[in-house]
Amino acid sequence: MHQSKWADSWVYNYFSNVLRGRALFQSDDALKRSSAGLKVVQTMNRVGSPFDREFGNSMIKMGRADILTGTQGQIRKKCNFVNR
């Protein structure tokens, strides 16, 4: 898809929707309820926001994670707890 202007990008539309109360996830909607979170949403909703750079850096960092497979790994029943 060709994006000829900033307003056509999904990033801009996504954060605009968060500000308008149309967030896709409850966690994103909750961001605007604190002053620090609202500042993040407003920053990401601007032309030239750091989103693309920060998202790219996050993907690189996640790619460095050692993935455990087979009997070495496990699917957690709750993300913040190790299964017993």
Protein backbone atom coordinates (compact mmCIF):
# COMPACT_ATOMS: atom_id res chain seq x y z
CA MET A 1 0.00 0.00 0.00
CA HIS A 2 1.40 3.38 -0.99
CA GLN A 3 1.25 5.99 1.73
CA SER A 4 1.50 9.43 0.21
CA LYS A 5 1.02 11.43 3.38
CA TRP A 6 1.44 11.02 7.13
CA ALA A 7 -2.29 11.02 7.85
CA ASP A 8 -2.65 7.86 5.74
CA SER A 9 -0.43 5.80 8.01
CA TRP A 10 -1.87 3.30 10.45
CA VAL A 11 0.25 4.69 13.30
CA TYR A 12 -1.31 8.13 13.06
CA ASN A 13 -4.80 6.69 12.73
CA TYR A 14 -4.27 4.27 15.61
CA PHE A 15 -3.17 6.92 18.11
CA SER A 16 -5.82 9.35 16.84
CA ASN A 17 -8.41 6.68 17.61
CA VAL A 18 -6.97 6.20 21.10
CA LEU A 19 -7.38 9.93 21.74
CA ARG A 20 -10.97 9.79 20.47
CA GLY A 21 -11.88 6.87 22.72
CA ARG A 22 -11.79 4.30 19.92
CA ALA A 23 -8.80 2.27 21.05
CA LEU A 24 -8.58 -1.32 19.92
CA PHE A 25 -7.30 -2.60 23.27
CA GLN A 26 -8.38 -1.63 26.80
CA SER A 27 -4.71 -1.25 27.75
CA ASP A 28 -4.24 1.39 25.03
CA ASP A 29 -7.38 3.24 26.11
CA ALA A 30 -6.07 3.22 29.69
CA LEU A 31 -2.91 5.02 28.56
CA LYS A 32 -4.71 8.32 28.19
CA ARG A 33 -6.04 8.17 31.76
CA SER A 34 -2.71 9.18 33.30
CA SER A 35 -0.78 12.32 32.43
CA ALA A 36 2.34 10.31 31.54
CA GLY A 37 0.38 7.90 29.33
CA LEU A 38 -1.51 10.73 27.64
CA LYS A 39 1.80 12.40 26.83
CA VAL A 40 3.02 9.18 25.14
CA VAL A 41 -0.16 8.92 23.05
CA GLN A 42 0.03 12.58 22.05
CA THR A 43 3.71 12.24 21.11
CA MET A 44 3.03 9.17 18.97
CA ASN A 45 0.13 10.99 17.30
CA ARG A 46 2.40 13.64 15.74
CA VAL A 47 4.13 13.89 12.41
CA GLY A 48 7.65 12.52 12.82
CA SER A 49 6.82 10.58 15.98
CA PRO A 50 9.45 8.15 17.27
CA PHE A 51 7.06 5.19 16.86
CA ASP A 52 8.70 3.60 13.80
CA ARG A 53 12.18 3.80 15.32
CA GLU A 54 11.05 2.55 18.73
CA PHE A 55 8.94 -0.25 17.22
CA GLY A 56 11.90 -1.35 15.07
CA ASN A 57 14.21 -1.36 18.09
CA SER A 58 11.67 -3.43 20.04
CA MET A 59 11.44 -6.01 17.26
CA ILE A 60 15.23 -6.31 17.15
CA LYS A 61 15.34 -6.76 20.92
CA MET A 62 12.60 -9.42 20.83
CA GLY A 63 14.49 -11.23 18.08
CA ARG A 64 17.44 -11.64 20.45
CA ALA A 65 15.35 -13.56 22.99
CA ASP A 66 16.26 -17.21 23.33
CA ILE A 67 13.16 -19.19 22.51
CA LEU A 68 12.75 -22.45 24.39
CA THR A 69 11.16 -25.25 22.41
CA GLY A 70 10.04 -28.79 23.02
CA THR A 71 10.43 -29.95 26.60
CA GLN A 72 12.66 -26.97 27.42
CA GLY A 73 9.85 -24.44 27.02
CA GLN A 74 6.30 -24.05 28.20
CA ILE A 75 3.17 -22.10 27.37
CA ARG A 76 2.27 -20.16 30.47
CA LYS A 77 -1.29 -20.31 31.72
CA LYS A 78 -0.82 -16.80 33.11
CA CYS A 79 1.84 -14.64 31.49
CA ASN A 80 3.20 -13.24 34.73
CA PHE A 81 3.60 -16.64 36.47
CA VAL A 82 5.73 -19.69 35.72
CA ASN A 83 3.63 -22.87 35.56
CA ARG A 84 4.13 -25.32 38.44
